């Protein structure tokens, strides 16, 4: 695995932390950076990277008060999560998605 996917995952983690701190602007910044890196390194990603990226954007959009966009990203994350081959990876991402869905409801 190259450096790009690792950096994208780091951006996902930063976004998650800022979302937990309810800091919308940096949460969105890091989630969008994760999305940019996922696009740039699409051929190097693992099957959990895209659902995680959409999860980060959903969480950050929810913190920013953009419920409609958060729900859209949540739907994309859920759809892609179902395609994760490894059950443990799928369970981890699904737990993140479920935590957002509970907040967005």
PDB file of N, CA and C in Angstrom:
ATOM      1  N   UNK A   1       0.849  -1.181   0.000  1.00  0.00           N
ATOM      2  CA  UNK A   1       0.000   0.000   0.000  1.00  0.00           C
ATOM      3  C   UNK A   1       0.887   1.234   0.000  1.00  0.00           C
ATOM      4  N   UNK A   2       0.489   2.200  -0.819  1.00  0.00           N
ATOM      5  CA  UNK A   2       1.237   3.434  -0.918  1.00  0.00           C
ATOM      6  C   UNK A   2       0.909   4.415   0.194  1.00  0.00           C
ATOM      7  N   UNK A   3       1.558   5.525   0.136  1.00  0.00           N
ATOM      8  CA  UNK A   3       1.400   6.577   1.147  1.00  0.00           C
ATOM      9  C   UNK A   3       0.034   7.262   1.068  1.00  0.00           C
ATOM     10  N   UNK A   4      -0.525   7.395  -0.122  1.00  0.00           N
ATOM     11  CA  UNK A   4      -1.795   8.103  -0.317  1.00  0.00           C
ATOM     12  C   UNK A   4      -2.936   7.572   0.529  1.00  0.00           C
ATOM     13  N   UNK A   5      -3.214   6.269   0.496  1.00  0.00           N
ATOM     14  CA  UNK A   5      -4.289   5.748   1.335  1.00  0.00           C
ATOM     15  C   UNK A   5      -4.044   5.957   2.831  1.00  0.00           C
ATOM     16  N   UNK A   6      -2.799   5.874   3.246  1.00  0.00           N
ATOM     17  CA  UNK A   6      -2.489   6.110   4.669  1.00  0.00           C
ATOM     18  C   UNK A   6      -2.791   7.546   5.059  1.00  0.00           C
ATOM     19  N   UNK A   7      -2.450   8.472   4.189  1.00  0.00           N
ATOM     20  CA  UNK A   7      -2.728   9.881   4.478  1.00  0.00           C
ATOM     21  C   UNK A   7      -4.238  10.112   4.484  1.00  0.00           C
ATOM     22  N   UNK A   8      -4.953   9.497   3.548  1.00  0.00           N
ATOM     23  CA  UNK A   8      -6.415   9.625   3.513  1.00  0.00           C
ATOM     24  C   UNK A   8      -7.024   9.127   4.822  1.00  0.00           C
ATOM     25  N   UNK A   9      -6.523   8.017   5.328  1.00  0.00           N
ATOM     26  CA  UNK A   9      -7.028   7.473   6.597  1.00  0.00           C
ATOM     27  C   UNK A   9      -6.702   8.406   7.757  1.00  0.00           C
ATOM     28  N   UNK A  10      -5.564   9.039   7.703  1.00  0.00           N
ATOM     29  CA  UNK A  10      -5.214  10.030   8.727  1.00  0.00           C
ATOM     30  C   UNK A  10      -6.162  11.213   8.692  1.00  0.00           C
ATOM     31  N   UNK A  11      -6.510  11.652   7.487  1.00  0.00           N
ATOM     32  CA  UNK A  11      -7.482  12.756   7.351  1.00  0.00           C
ATOM     33  C   UNK A  11      -8.844  12.332   7.886  1.00  0.00           C
ATOM     34  N   UNK A  12      -9.236  11.068   7.620  1.00  0.00           N
ATOM     35  CA  UNK A  12     -10.491  10.546   8.163  1.00  0.00           C
ATOM     36  C   UNK A  12     -10.462  10.619   9.687  1.00  0.00           C
ATOM     37  N   UNK A  13      -9.356  10.206  10.296  1.00  0.00           N
ATOM     38  CA  UNK A  13      -9.249  10.222  11.746  1.00  0.00           C
ATOM     39  C   UNK A  13      -9.306  11.640  12.297  1.00  0.00           C
ATOM     40  N   UNK A  14      -8.623  12.570  11.646  1.00  0.00           N
ATOM     41  CA  UNK A  14      -8.675  13.972  12.086  1.00  0.00           C
ATOM     42  C   UNK A  14     -10.105  14.504  12.011  1.00  0.00           C
ATOM     43  N   UNK A  15     -10.789  14.184  10.923  1.00  0.00           N
ATOM     44  CA  UNK A  15     -12.171  14.635  10.771  1.00  0.00           C
ATOM     45  C   UNK A  15     -13.048  14.073  11.881  1.00  0.00           C
ATOM     46  N   UNK A  16     -12.850  12.805  12.192  1.00  0.00           N
ATOM     47  CA  UNK A  16     -13.637  12.161  13.244  1.00  0.00           C
ATOM     48  C   UNK A  16     -13.426  12.866  14.580  1.00  0.00           C
ATOM     49  N   UNK A  17     -12.170  13.156  14.913  1.00  0.00           N
ATOM     50  CA  UNK A  17     -11.862  13.828  16.180  1.00  0.00           C
ATOM     51  C   UNK A  17     -12.523  15.203  16.228  1.00  0.00           C
ATOM     52  N   UNK A  18     -12.378  15.983  15.168  1.00  0.00           N
ATOM     53  CA  UNK A  18     -12.989  17.313  15.157  1.00  0.00           C
ATOM     54  C   UNK A  18     -14.514  17.234  15.203  1.00  0.00           C
ATOM     55  N   UNK A  19     -15.086  16.213  14.584  1.00  0.00           N
ATOM     56  CA  UNK A  19     -16.539  16.038  14.673  1.00  0.00           C
ATOM     57  C   UNK A  19     -16.947  15.741  16.107  1.00  0.00           C
ATOM     58  N   UNK A  20     -16.194  14.899  16.772  1.00  0.00           N
ATOM     59  CA  UNK A  20     -16.486  14.578  18.172  1.00  0.00           C
ATOM     60  C   UNK A  20     -16.378  15.821  19.059  1.00  0.00           C
ATOM     61  N   UNK A  21     -15.476  16.729  18.698  1.00  0.00           N
ATOM     62  CA  UNK A  21     -15.308  17.975  19.438  1.00  0.00           C
ATOM     63  C   UNK A  21     -16.307  19.039  18.999  1.00  0.00           C
ATOM     64  N   UNK A  22     -17.167  18.672  18.026  1.00  0.00           N
ATOM     65  CA  UNK A  22     -18.171  19.572  17.454  1.00  0.00           C
ATOM     66  C   UNK A  22     -17.548  20.831  16.847  1.00  0.00           C
ATOM     67  N   UNK A  23     -16.436  20.625  16.173  1.00  0.00           N
ATOM     68  CA  UNK A  23     -15.733  21.691  15.459  1.00  0.00           C
ATOM     69  C   UNK A  23     -15.953  21.467  13.969  1.00  0.00           C
ATOM     70  N   UNK A  24     -17.015  22.027  13.458  1.00  0.00           N
ATOM     71  CA  UNK A  24     -17.469  21.759  12.096  1.00  0.00           C
ATOM     72  C   UNK A  24     -16.440  22.120  11.027  1.00  0.00           C
ATOM     73  N   UNK A  25     -15.867  23.311  11.117  1.00  0.00           N
ATOM     74  CA  UNK A  25     -14.966  23.753  10.047  1.00  0.00           C
ATOM     75  C   UNK A  25     -13.771  22.825   9.866  1.00  0.00           C
ATOM     76  N   UNK A  26     -13.005  22.498  10.916  1.00  0.00           N
ATOM     77  CA  UNK A  26     -11.892  21.571  10.687  1.00  0.00           C
ATOM     78  C   UNK A  26     -12.363  20.146  10.370  1.00  0.00           C
ATOM     79  N   UNK A  27     -13.514  19.740  10.904  1.00  0.00           N
ATOM     80  CA  UNK A  27     -14.041  18.404  10.579  1.00  0.00           C
ATOM     81  C   UNK A  27     -14.328  18.315   9.089  1.00  0.00           C
ATOM     82  N   UNK A  28     -14.969  19.333   8.538  1.00  0.00           N
ATOM     83  CA  UNK A  28     -15.261  19.350   7.103  1.00  0.00           C
ATOM     84  C   UNK A  28     -13.971  19.435   6.284  1.00  0.00           C
ATOM     85  N   UNK A  29     -13.041  20.242   6.730  1.00  0.00           N
ATOM     86  CA  UNK A  29     -11.770  20.375   6.006  1.00  0.00           C
ATOM     87  C   UNK A  29     -11.092  19.013   5.853  1.00  0.00           C
ATOM     88  N   UNK A  30     -10.958  18.296   6.947  1.00  0.00           N
ATOM     89  CA  UNK A  30     -10.256  17.009   6.907  1.00  0.00           C
ATOM     90  C   UNK A  30     -11.061  15.946   6.160  1.00  0.00           C
ATOM     91  N   UNK A  31     -12.381  15.980   6.275  1.00  0.00           N
ATOM     92  CA  UNK A  31     -13.218  15.030   5.524  1.00  0.00           C
ATOM     93  C   UNK A  31     -13.100  15.285   4.025  1.00  0.00           C
ATOM     94  N   UNK A  32     -13.091  16.556   3.638  1.00  0.00           N
ATOM     95  CA  UNK A  32     -12.946  16.885   2.208  1.00  0.00           C
ATOM     96  C   UNK A  32     -11.558  16.530   1.700  1.00  0.00           C
ATOM     97  N   UNK A  33     -10.563  16.699   2.545  1.00  0.00           N
ATOM     98  CA  UNK A  33      -9.199  16.319   2.163  1.00  0.00           C
ATOM     99  C   UNK A  33      -9.122  14.801   1.984  1.00  0.00           C
ATOM    100  N   UNK A  34      -9.787  14.061   2.866  1.00  0.00           N
ATOM    101  CA  UNK A  34      -9.862  12.605   2.732  1.00  0.00           C
ATOM    102  C   UNK A  34     -10.493  12.237   1.395  1.00  0.00           C
ATOM    103  N   UNK A  35     -11.574  12.928   1.034  1.00  0.00           N
ATOM    104  CA  UNK A  35     -12.249  12.659  -0.240  1.00  0.00           C
ATOM    105  C   UNK A  35     -11.321  12.931  -1.416  1.00  0.00           C
ATOM    106  N   UNK A  36     -10.589  14.041  -1.367  1.00  0.00           N
ATOM    107  CA  UNK A  36      -9.645  14.366  -2.443  1.00  0.00           C
ATOM    108  C   UNK A  36      -8.588  13.273  -2.595  1.00  0.00           C
ATOM    109  N   UNK A  37      -8.062  12.819  -1.476  1.00  0.00           N
ATOM    110  CA  UNK A  37      -7.032  11.785  -1.514  1.00  0.00           C
ATOM    111  C   UNK A  37      -7.591  10.453  -2.001  1.00  0.00           C
ATOM    112  N   UNK A  38      -8.825  10.152  -1.619  1.00  0.00           N
ATOM    113  CA  UNK A  38      -9.451   8.915  -2.102  1.00  0.00           C
ATOM    114  C   UNK A  38      -9.630   8.955  -3.613  1.00  0.00           C
ATOM    115  N   UNK A  39      -9.955  10.110  -4.140  1.00  0.00           N
ATOM    116  CA  UNK A  39     -10.069  10.241  -5.602  1.00  0.00           C
ATOM    117  C   UNK A  39      -8.707  10.103  -6.262  1.00  0.00           C
ATOM    118  N   UNK A  40      -7.710  10.752  -5.679  1.00  0.00           N
ATOM    119  CA  UNK A  40      -6.373  10.747  -6.262  1.00  0.00           C
ATOM    120  C   UNK A  40      -5.745   9.347  -6.247  1.00  0.00           C
ATOM    121  N   UNK A  41      -5.999   8.606  -5.195  1.00  0.00           N
ATOM    122  CA  UNK A  41      -5.379   7.294  -5.036  1.00  0.00           C
ATOM    123  C   UNK A  41      -6.397   6.161  -5.127  1.00  0.00           C
ATOM    124  N   UNK A  42      -7.423   6.349  -5.939  1.00  0.00           N
ATOM    125  CA  UNK A  42      -8.528   5.390  -6.028  1.00  0.00           C
ATOM    126  C   UNK A  42      -8.064   3.971  -6.328  1.00  0.00           C
ATOM    127  N   UNK A  43      -7.037   3.840  -7.144  1.00  0.00           N
ATOM    128  CA  UNK A  43      -6.578   2.491  -7.515  1.00  0.00           C
ATOM    129  C   UNK A  43      -5.789   1.795  -6.401  1.00  0.00           C
ATOM    130  N   UNK A  44      -5.474   2.509  -5.319  1.00  0.00           N
ATOM    131  CA  UNK A  44      -4.715   1.930  -4.212  1.00  0.00           C
ATOM    132  C   UNK A  44      -5.562   1.665  -2.966  1.00  0.00           C
ATOM    133  N   UNK A  45      -6.821   2.058  -2.994  1.00  0.00           N
ATOM    134  CA  UNK A  45      -7.665   1.964  -1.805  1.00  0.00           C
ATOM    135  C   UNK A  45      -8.108   0.539  -1.516  1.00  0.00           C
ATOM    136  N   UNK A  46      -8.405   0.297  -0.264  1.00  0.00           N
ATOM    137  CA  UNK A  46      -9.021  -0.958   0.136  1.00  0.00           C
ATOM    138  C   UNK A  46     -10.529  -0.740   0.167  1.00  0.00           C
ATOM    139  N   UNK A  47     -11.284  -1.822   0.268  1.00  0.00           N
ATOM    140  CA  UNK A  47     -12.745  -1.702   0.131  1.00  0.00           C
ATOM    141  C   UNK A  47     -13.426  -0.951   1.264  1.00  0.00           C
ATOM    142  N   UNK A  48     -12.723  -0.683   2.357  1.00  0.00           N
ATOM    143  CA  UNK A  48     -13.329   0.072   3.459  1.00  0.00           C
ATOM    144  C   UNK A  48     -13.037   1.562   3.390  1.00  0.00           C
ATOM    145  N   UNK A  49     -12.130   1.981   2.516  1.00  0.00           N
ATOM    146  CA  UNK A  49     -11.743   3.382   2.473  1.00  0.00           C
ATOM    147  C   UNK A  49     -12.863   4.309   2.004  1.00  0.00           C
ATOM    148  N   UNK A  50     -13.574   3.942   0.937  1.00  0.00           N
ATOM    149  CA  UNK A  50     -14.645   4.815   0.445  1.00  0.00           C
ATOM    150  C   UNK A  50     -15.818   4.914   1.412  1.00  0.00           C
ATOM    151  N   UNK A  51     -16.305   3.812   1.990  1.00  0.00           N
ATOM    152  CA  UNK A  51     -17.369   3.988   2.966  1.00  0.00           C
ATOM    153  C   UNK A  51     -16.911   4.801   4.171  1.00  0.00           C
ATOM    154  N   UNK A  52     -15.664   4.645   4.585  1.00  0.00           N
ATOM    155  CA  UNK A  52     -15.145   5.441   5.706  1.00  0.00           C
ATOM    156  C   UNK A  52     -15.094   6.919   5.338  1.00  0.00           C
ATOM    157  N   UNK A  53     -14.693   7.215   4.111  1.00  0.00           N
ATOM    158  CA  UNK A  53     -14.641   8.606   3.658  1.00  0.00           C
ATOM    159  C   UNK A  53     -16.029   9.232   3.673  1.00  0.00           C
ATOM    160  N   UNK A  54     -17.038   8.506   3.160  1.00  0.00           N
ATOM    161  CA  UNK A  54     -18.403   9.039   3.171  1.00  0.00           C
ATOM    162  C   UNK A  54     -18.927   9.167   4.598  1.00  0.00           C
ATOM    163  N   UNK A  55     -18.523   8.247   5.472  1.00  0.00           N
ATOM    164  CA  UNK A  55     -18.905   8.331   6.887  1.00  0.00           C
ATOM    165  C   UNK A  55     -18.335   9.599   7.504  1.00  0.00           C
ATOM    166  N   UNK A  56     -17.079   9.916   7.198  1.00  0.00           N
ATOM    167  CA  UNK A  56     -16.454  11.132   7.720  1.00  0.00           C
ATOM    168  C   UNK A  56     -17.202  12.369   7.246  1.00  0.00           C
ATOM    169  N   UNK A  57     -17.551  12.384   5.965  1.00  0.00           N
ATOM    170  CA  UNK A  57     -18.289  13.531   5.439  1.00  0.00           C
ATOM    171  C   UNK A  57     -19.682  13.628   6.053  1.00  0.00           C
ATOM    172  N   UNK A  58     -20.333  12.500   6.262  1.00  0.00           N
ATOM    173  CA  UNK A  58     -21.659  12.512   6.895  1.00  0.00           C
ATOM    174  C   UNK A  58     -21.569  13.080   8.300  1.00  0.00           C
ATOM    175  N   UNK A  59     -20.606  12.607   9.066  1.00  0.00           N
ATOM    176  CA  UNK A  59     -20.438  13.059  10.452  1.00  0.00           C
ATOM    177  C   UNK A  59     -20.132  14.562  10.497  1.00  0.00           C
ATOM    178  N   UNK A  60     -19.204  15.002   9.651  1.00  0.00           N
ATOM    179  CA  UNK A  60     -18.816  16.414   9.628  1.00  0.00           C
ATOM    180  C   UNK A  60     -19.976  17.300   9.165  1.00  0.00           C
ATOM    181  N   UNK A  61     -20.714  16.844   8.160  1.00  0.00           N
ATOM    182  CA  UNK A  61     -21.867  17.623   7.677  1.00  0.00           C
ATOM    183  C   UNK A  61     -22.938  17.725   8.758  1.00  0.00           C
ATOM    184  N   UNK A  62     -23.132  16.683   9.515  1.00  0.00           N
ATOM    185  CA  UNK A  62     -24.105  16.708  10.598  1.00  0.00           C
ATOM    186  C   UNK A  62     -23.701  17.727  11.664  1.00  0.00           C
ATOM    187  N   UNK A  63     -22.421  17.745  12.017  1.00  0.00           N
ATOM    188  CA  UNK A  63     -21.919  18.718  12.994  1.00  0.00           C
ATOM    189  C   UNK A  63     -22.097  20.140  12.462  1.00  0.00           C
ATOM    190  N   UNK A  64     -21.939  20.300  11.156  1.00  0.00           N
ATOM    191  CA  UNK A  64     -22.080  21.629  10.530  1.00  0.00           C
ATOM    192  C   UNK A  64     -23.543  22.040  10.358  1.00  0.00           C
ATOM    193  N   UNK A  65     -24.462  21.137  10.670  1.00  0.00           N
ATOM    194  CA  UNK A  65     -25.882  21.467  10.543  1.00  0.00           C
ATOM    195  C   UNK A  65     -26.451  21.210   9.166  1.00  0.00           C
ATOM    196  N   UNK A  66     -25.720  20.506   8.326  1.00  0.00           N
ATOM    197  CA  UNK A  66     -26.163  20.208   6.969  1.00  0.00           C
ATOM    198  C   UNK A  66     -26.759  18.796   6.939  1.00  0.00           C
ATOM    199  N   UNK A  67     -27.941  18.661   7.525  1.00  0.00           N
ATOM    200  CA  UNK A  67     -28.557  17.347   7.713  1.00  0.00           C
ATOM    201  C   UNK A  67     -28.813  16.615   6.389  1.00  0.00           C
ATOM    202  N   UNK A  68     -29.297  17.332   5.384  1.00  0.00           N
ATOM    203  CA  UNK A  68     -29.611  16.700   4.101  1.00  0.00           C
ATOM    204  C   UNK A  68     -28.363  16.088   3.465  1.00  0.00           C
ATOM    205  N   UNK A  69     -27.272  16.844   3.447  1.00  0.00           N
ATOM    206  CA  UNK A  69     -26.012  16.324   2.889  1.00  0.00           C
ATOM    207  C   UNK A  69     -25.475  15.187   3.756  1.00  0.00           C
ATOM    208  N   UNK A  70     -25.626  15.304   5.060  1.00  0.00           N
ATOM    209  CA  UNK A  70     -25.186  14.236   5.966  1.00  0.00           C
ATOM    210  C   UNK A  70     -25.938  12.944   5.668  1.00  0.00           C
ATOM    211  N   UNK A  71     -27.228  13.026   5.477  1.00  0.00           N
ATOM    212  CA  UNK A  71     -28.022  11.834   5.187  1.00  0.00           C
ATOM    213  C   UNK A  71     -27.656  11.236   3.834  1.00  0.00           C
ATOM    214  N   UNK A  72     -27.368  12.094   2.861  1.00  0.00           N
ATOM    215  CA  UNK A  72     -26.928  11.621   1.539  1.00  0.00           C
ATOM    216  C   UNK A  72     -25.621  10.841   1.667  1.00  0.00           C
ATOM    217  N   UNK A  73     -24.662  11.414   2.383  1.00  0.00           N
ATOM    218  CA  UNK A  73     -23.364  10.749   2.559  1.00  0.00           C
ATOM    219  C   UNK A  73     -23.520   9.468   3.375  1.00  0.00           C
ATOM    220  N   UNK A  74     -24.417   9.497   4.328  1.00  0.00           N
ATOM    221  CA  UNK A  74     -24.678   8.312   5.141  1.00  0.00           C
ATOM    222  C   UNK A  74     -25.226   7.175   4.284  1.00  0.00           C
ATOM    223  N   UNK A  75     -26.100   7.517   3.357  1.00  0.00           N
ATOM    224  CA  UNK A  75     -26.647   6.510   2.445  1.00  0.00           C
ATOM    225  C   UNK A  75     -25.548   5.909   1.566  1.00  0.00           C
ATOM    226  N   UNK A  76     -24.667   6.759   1.057  1.00  0.00           N
ATOM    227  CA  UNK A  76     -23.548   6.270   0.238  1.00  0.00           C
ATOM    228  C   UNK A  76     -22.632   5.368   1.064  1.00  0.00           C
ATOM    229  N   UNK A  77     -22.344   5.789   2.287  1.00  0.00           N
ATOM    230  CA  UNK A  77     -21.490   4.989   3.164  1.00  0.00           C
ATOM    231  C   UNK A  77     -22.117   3.625   3.434  1.00  0.00           C
ATOM    232  N   UNK A  78     -23.407   3.610   3.697  1.00  0.00           N
ATOM    233  CA  UNK A  78     -24.106   2.350   3.986  1.00  0.00           C
ATOM    234  C   UNK A  78     -24.067   1.413   2.791  1.00  0.00           C
ATOM    235  N   UNK A  79     -24.316   1.953   1.619  1.00  0.00           N
ATOM    236  CA  UNK A  79     -24.314   1.143   0.402  1.00  0.00           C
ATOM    237  C   UNK A  79     -22.935   0.527   0.151  1.00  0.00           C
ATOM    238  N   UNK A  80     -21.896   1.329   0.306  1.00  0.00           N
ATOM    239  CA  UNK A  80     -20.539   0.836   0.078  1.00  0.00           C
ATOM    240  C   UNK A  80     -20.077  -0.093   1.194  1.00  0.00           C
ATOM    241  N   UNK A  81     -20.555   0.145   2.397  1.00  0.00           N
ATOM    242  CA  UNK A  81     -20.178  -0.699   3.530  1.00  0.00           C
ATOM    243  C   UNK A  81     -20.623  -2.141   3.302  1.00  0.00           C
ATOM    244  N   UNK A  82     -21.766  -2.313   2.697  1.00  0.00           N
ATOM    245  CA  UNK A  82     -22.293  -3.658   2.438  1.00  0.00           C
ATOM    246  C   UNK A  82     -21.371  -4.456   1.519  1.00  0.00           C
ATOM    247  N   UNK A  83     -20.491  -3.781   0.784  1.00  0.00           N
ATOM    248  CA  UNK A  83     -19.593  -4.441  -0.152  1.00  0.00           C
ATOM    249  C   UNK A  83     -18.222  -4.772   0.437  1.00  0.00           C
ATOM    250  N   UNK A  84     -17.996  -4.420   1.708  1.00  0.00           N
ATOM    251  CA  UNK A  84     -16.710  -4.709   2.340  1.00  0.00           C
ATOM    252  C   UNK A  84     -16.605  -6.215   2.564  1.00  0.00           C
ATOM    253  N   UNK A  85     -15.552  -6.808   2.056  1.00  0.00           N
ATOM    254  CA  UNK A  85     -15.398  -8.271   2.099  1.00  0.00           C
ATOM    255  C   UNK A  85     -15.121  -8.802   3.504  1.00  0.00           C
ATOM    256  N   UNK A  86     -14.245  -8.148   4.231  1.00  0.00           N
ATOM    257  CA  UNK A  86     -13.859  -8.637   5.558  1.00  0.00           C
ATOM    258  C   UNK A  86     -14.945  -8.283   6.578  1.00  0.00           C
ATOM    259  N   UNK A  87     -15.528  -9.284   7.231  1.00  0.00           N
ATOM    260  CA  UNK A  87     -16.613  -9.020   8.184  1.00  0.00           C
ATOM    261  C   UNK A  87     -16.210  -8.086   9.326  1.00  0.00           C
ATOM    262  N   UNK A  88     -14.979  -8.194   9.790  1.00  0.00           N
ATOM    263  CA  UNK A  88     -14.521  -7.326  10.886  1.00  0.00           C
ATOM    264  C   UNK A  88     -14.436  -5.868  10.431  1.00  0.00           C
ATOM    265  N   UNK A  89     -13.872  -5.640   9.251  1.00  0.00           N
ATOM    266  CA  UNK A  89     -13.808  -4.278   8.703  1.00  0.00           C
ATOM    267  C   UNK A  89     -15.216  -3.733   8.492  1.00  0.00           C
ATOM    268  N   UNK A  90     -16.094  -4.572   7.944  1.00  0.00           N
ATOM    269  CA  UNK A  90     -17.473  -4.154   7.685  1.00  0.00           C
ATOM    270  C   UNK A  90     -18.169  -3.768   8.999  1.00  0.00           C
ATOM    271  N   UNK A  91     -17.949  -4.555  10.038  1.00  0.00           N
ATOM    272  CA  UNK A  91     -18.570  -4.287  11.342  1.00  0.00           C
ATOM    273  C   UNK A  91     -18.084  -2.960  11.931  1.00  0.00           C
ATOM    274  N   UNK A  92     -16.801  -2.677  11.783  1.00  0.00           N
ATOM    275  CA  UNK A  92     -16.232  -1.429  12.309  1.00  0.00           C
ATOM    276  C   UNK A  92     -16.860  -0.222  11.614  1.00  0.00           C
ATOM    277  N   UNK A  93     -16.893  -0.260  10.295  1.00  0.00           N
ATOM    278  CA  UNK A  93     -17.461   0.866   9.547  1.00  0.00           C
ATOM    279  C   UNK A  93     -18.957   0.965   9.808  1.00  0.00           C
ATOM    280  N   UNK A  94     -19.641  -0.168   9.865  1.00  0.00           N
ATOM    281  CA  UNK A  94     -21.085  -0.147  10.110  1.00  0.00           C
ATOM    282  C   UNK A  94     -21.397   0.463  11.483  1.00  0.00           C
ATOM    283  N   UNK A  95     -20.572   0.192  12.471  1.00  0.00           N
ATOM    284  CA  UNK A  95     -20.777   0.779  13.801  1.00  0.00           C
ATOM    285  C   UNK A  95     -20.659   2.299  13.741  1.00  0.00           C
ATOM    286  N   UNK A  96     -19.719   2.792  12.942  1.00  0.00           N
ATOM    287  CA  UNK A  96     -19.579   4.242  12.773  1.00  0.00           C
ATOM    288  C   UNK A  96     -20.812   4.824  12.086  1.00  0.00           C
ATOM    289  N   UNK A  97     -21.264   4.141  11.048  1.00  0.00           N
ATOM    290  CA  UNK A  97     -22.455   4.589  10.315  1.00  0.00           C
ATOM    291  C   UNK A  97     -23.664   4.589  11.250  1.00  0.00           C
ATOM    292  N   UNK A  98     -23.824   3.532  12.028  1.00  0.00           N
ATOM    293  CA  UNK A  98     -24.954   3.447  12.949  1.00  0.00           C
ATOM    294  C   UNK A  98     -24.936   4.558  13.981  1.00  0.00           C
ATOM    295  N   UNK A  99     -23.734   4.957  14.433  1.00  0.00           N
ATOM    296  CA  UNK A  99     -23.657   6.022  15.428  1.00  0.00           C
ATOM    297  C   UNK A  99     -24.108   7.361  14.843  1.00  0.00           C
ATOM    298  N   UNK A 100     -23.846   7.569  13.568  1.00  0.00           N
ATOM    299  CA  UNK A 100     -24.311   8.789  12.916  1.00  0.00           C
ATOM    300  C   UNK A 100     -25.816   8.738  12.696  1.00  0.00           C
ATOM    301  N   UNK A 101     -26.286   7.595  12.234  1.00  0.00           N
ATOM    302  CA  UNK A 101     -27.724   7.433  11.968  1.00  0.00           C
ATOM    303  C   UNK A 101     -28.542   7.689  13.221  1.00  0.00           C
ATOM    304  N   UNK A 102     -28.043   7.239  14.375  1.00  0.00           N
ATOM    305  CA  UNK A 102     -28.748   7.461  15.642  1.00  0.00           C
ATOM    306  C   UNK A 102     -28.806   8.953  15.977  1.00  0.00           C
ATOM    307  N   UNK A 103     -27.738   9.678  15.679  1.00  0.00           N
ATOM    308  CA  UNK A 103     -27.689  11.110  15.944  1.00  0.00           C
ATOM    309  C   UNK A 103     -28.559  11.892  14.962  1.00  0.00           C
ATOM    310  N   UNK A 104     -28.575  11.442  13.705  1.00  0.00           N
ATOM    311  CA  UNK A 104     -29.301  12.169  12.650  1.00  0.00           C
ATOM    312  C   UNK A 104     -30.815  11.946  12.724  1.00  0.00           C
ATOM    313  N   UNK A 105     -31.237  10.894  13.405  1.00  0.00           N
ATOM    314  CA  UNK A 105     -32.667  10.561  13.454  1.00  0.00           C
ATOM    315  C   UNK A 105     -33.489  11.551  14.237  1.00  0.00           C
TER     316      UNK A 105
END
